[in-house]
Protein backbone atom coordinates (compact mmCIF):
# COMPACT_ATOMS: atom_id res chain seq x y z
CA MET A 1 -22.79 153.92 -8.60
CA LYS A 2 -20.17 151.11 -9.25
CA ASP A 3 -22.34 149.41 -7.01
CA ILE A 4 -25.46 149.55 -8.90
CA ILE A 5 -23.68 148.69 -12.47
CA SER A 6 -22.66 145.79 -11.11
CA ILE A 7 -26.06 144.83 -9.71
CA ILE A 8 -27.59 145.00 -12.64
CA ILE A 9 -25.53 143.71 -14.51
CA VAL A 10 -26.22 140.55 -12.46
CA VAL A 11 -29.74 140.81 -12.93
CA LEU A 12 -29.64 141.26 -16.21
CA ILE A 13 -27.69 138.23 -16.89
CA VAL A 14 -28.53 136.29 -14.47
CA GLY A 15 -32.59 137.21 -16.14
CA TRP A 16 -31.05 136.37 -19.50
CA LEU A 17 -29.97 133.18 -18.37
CA LEU A 18 -33.07 132.03 -16.44
CA GLY A 19 -35.48 132.79 -20.30
CA PHE A 20 -32.82 131.76 -22.56
CA ILE A 21 -33.32 128.34 -20.75
CA GLY A 22 -36.83 128.48 -19.15
CA PHE A 23 -38.49 130.71 -22.59
CA SER A 24 -36.38 130.16 -25.56
CA ALA A 25 -38.89 130.10 -28.03
CA VAL A 26 -41.19 132.48 -26.37
CA VAL A 27 -38.83 136.07 -25.70
CA GLY A 28 -35.97 135.27 -28.02
CA ASN A 29 -35.44 138.05 -29.40
CA LEU A 30 -35.74 140.11 -25.42
CA ILE A 31 -33.33 137.14 -24.21
CA HIS A 32 -30.59 138.84 -26.62
CA LEU A 33 -31.65 142.15 -25.73
CA LEU A 34 -31.00 141.74 -22.32
CA LEU A 35 -27.41 140.05 -23.16
CA VAL A 36 -26.32 142.82 -25.56
CA VAL A 37 -27.51 145.54 -22.64
CA ALA A 38 -25.66 143.61 -20.29
CA VAL A 39 -22.34 142.90 -22.37
CA ILE A 40 -22.64 147.16 -22.74
CA LEU A 41 -22.94 147.84 -19.16
CA ILE A 42 -19.30 145.33 -18.84
CA ILE A 43 -17.58 147.14 -20.96
CA LEU A 44 -18.53 150.39 -19.38
CA LYS A 45 -17.81 149.78 -15.99
CA LEU A 46 -14.32 148.89 -17.35
CA GLN A 47 -13.56 151.59 -18.80
CA ASN A 48 -14.29 153.57 -15.77
CA LYS A 49 -11.78 151.30 -13.68
CA VAL A 50 -8.74 151.98 -15.92
C-alpha cells in the first residue's frame, strides 16, 4: 500500500508540473487541485511512518 501511495504522489506532482508549465492558462484550477491532493497524500504517508 505504501508503494501505491508513493506512485500516486509522484504521478500527481509530475502531472502538476507538466500542467503548470504547458497549460497554465487553460487548466489552472485543476493543476492546483492536483498539487493539494499530492500534498495531502505526502502528509498521510509521513504520518504512517511515525
